[in-house]
C-alpha cells in the first residue's frame, strides 16, 4: 500500500492583534483517488511563529490517533471479511 502524501496547503491568520487570535494551518492529505484537508487551529501566543507548523503536525497526529482509537471496533478480521463476501447476494456478473 502506498503512503499518504501530507503537505501544508495553507497558513492563514485570523483575529488580527487580539490576544485570542489564531492561526489556521490546513494540511492536504492524499493517496491515490482519496484526498481531503484537515484544518488545525492554534492560538498565536501559544507557540513561536517558527514552530507553528511543528505544533500543527503534532495536533494532526493526535487527531488521527484518537480517530484510530474511536474506530477500532469497526475493524474486521480476514475471516469476518470473507464471511461478508460470502453473504453477497448480487448476481455473478455484477460482482466483477
Protein backbone atom coordinates (compact mmCIF):
# COMPACT_ATOMS: atom_id res chain seq x y z
CA UNK A 1 0.00 0.00 0.00
CA UNK A 2 1.36 3.41 -0.90
CA UNK A 3 1.98 6.12 1.66
CA UNK A 4 -0.18 9.17 2.13
CA UNK A 5 1.23 12.45 0.86
CA UNK A 6 0.79 15.11 3.52
CA UNK A 7 1.63 18.74 2.89
CA UNK A 8 0.80 22.14 4.29
CA UNK A 9 -1.82 23.57 1.95
CA UNK A 10 -2.45 26.92 3.65
CA UNK A 11 -1.45 29.03 6.62
CA UNK A 12 -3.98 31.71 7.50
CA UNK A 13 -4.05 34.22 10.32
CA UNK A 14 -7.36 35.11 11.94
CA UNK A 15 -8.24 37.59 14.67
CA UNK A 16 -5.73 40.35 13.99
CA UNK A 17 -3.86 41.69 17.04
CA UNK A 18 -6.31 40.38 19.65
CA UNK A 19 -4.98 38.17 22.44
CA UNK A 20 -7.17 35.28 21.25
CA UNK A 21 -6.11 35.49 17.59
CA UNK A 22 -5.44 32.19 15.86
CA UNK A 23 -3.53 30.66 13.01
CA UNK A 24 -5.20 28.04 10.85
CA UNK A 25 -2.76 25.59 9.28
CA UNK A 26 -4.50 23.37 6.74
CA UNK A 27 -2.97 20.06 5.73
CA UNK A 28 -3.77 18.44 2.37
CA UNK A 29 -3.72 14.64 2.59
CA UNK A 30 -3.80 12.44 -0.50
CA UNK A 31 -3.27 8.85 -1.58
CA UNK A 32 -4.49 7.63 -4.93
CA UNK A 33 -8.05 8.80 -5.50
CA UNK A 34 -8.50 9.73 -1.82
CA UNK A 35 -7.85 13.33 -0.90
CA UNK A 36 -9.01 15.60 1.90
CA UNK A 37 -7.95 18.58 4.00
CA UNK A 38 -7.69 18.98 7.77
CA UNK A 39 -7.55 22.45 9.33
CA UNK A 40 -5.66 22.84 12.61
CA UNK A 41 -6.33 25.96 14.69
CA UNK A 42 -3.67 27.20 17.10
CA UNK A 43 -3.56 30.27 19.33
CA UNK A 44 -0.94 32.74 18.12
CA UNK A 45 0.52 33.29 21.58
CA UNK A 46 0.97 29.59 22.36
CA UNK A 47 3.90 28.96 20.01
CA UNK A 48 6.69 30.89 18.35
CA UNK A 49 5.93 31.70 14.70
CA UNK A 50 8.75 29.45 13.55
CA UNK A 51 7.30 26.45 15.44
CA UNK A 52 3.65 26.72 14.39
CA UNK A 53 3.90 24.05 11.68
CA UNK A 54 5.58 21.59 14.06
CA UNK A 55 2.86 22.19 16.66
CA UNK A 56 0.17 21.73 13.99
CA UNK A 57 1.77 18.46 12.84
CA UNK A 58 1.65 17.20 16.41
CA UNK A 59 -2.01 18.18 16.70
CA UNK A 60 -2.76 16.41 13.39
CA UNK A 61 -1.08 13.26 14.70
CA UNK A 62 -3.19 13.44 17.86
CA UNK A 63 -6.37 13.74 15.80
CA UNK A 64 -5.55 10.60 13.83
CA UNK A 65 -4.54 8.66 16.95
CA UNK A 66 -7.90 9.50 18.50
CA UNK A 67 -9.70 8.63 15.25
CA UNK A 68 -7.89 5.29 15.18
CA UNK A 69 -8.97 4.51 18.76
CA UNK A 70 -12.54 5.62 18.12
CA UNK A 71 -12.91 3.43 15.00
CA UNK A 72 -11.09 0.36 16.37
CA UNK A 73 -14.39 -1.52 16.93
CA UNK A 74 -15.08 -1.19 13.19
CA UNK A 75 -12.01 -3.25 12.27
CA UNK A 76 -12.88 -6.65 10.78
CA UNK A 77 -10.67 -9.72 10.75
CA UNK A 78 -9.84 -11.51 7.49
CA UNK A 79 -12.33 -14.23 8.48
CA UNK A 80 -15.10 -11.68 9.08
CA UNK A 81 -14.42 -10.05 5.71
CA UNK A 82 -14.59 -13.46 3.97
CA UNK A 83 -17.93 -14.17 5.67
CA UNK A 84 -19.28 -10.83 4.46
CA UNK A 85 -18.07 -11.55 0.92
CA UNK A 86 -19.73 -14.97 1.02
CA UNK A 87 -23.03 -13.33 2.01
CA UNK A 88 -23.01 -11.17 -1.15
CA UNK A 89 -26.26 -11.95 -2.97
CA UNK A 90 -25.53 -9.99 -6.16
CA UNK A 91 -25.65 -11.92 -9.43
CA UNK A 92 -22.19 -13.16 -10.54
CA UNK A 93 -21.98 -10.73 -13.49
CA UNK A 94 -22.40 -7.75 -11.12
CA UNK A 95 -19.63 -8.93 -8.75
CA UNK A 96 -16.92 -8.40 -11.37
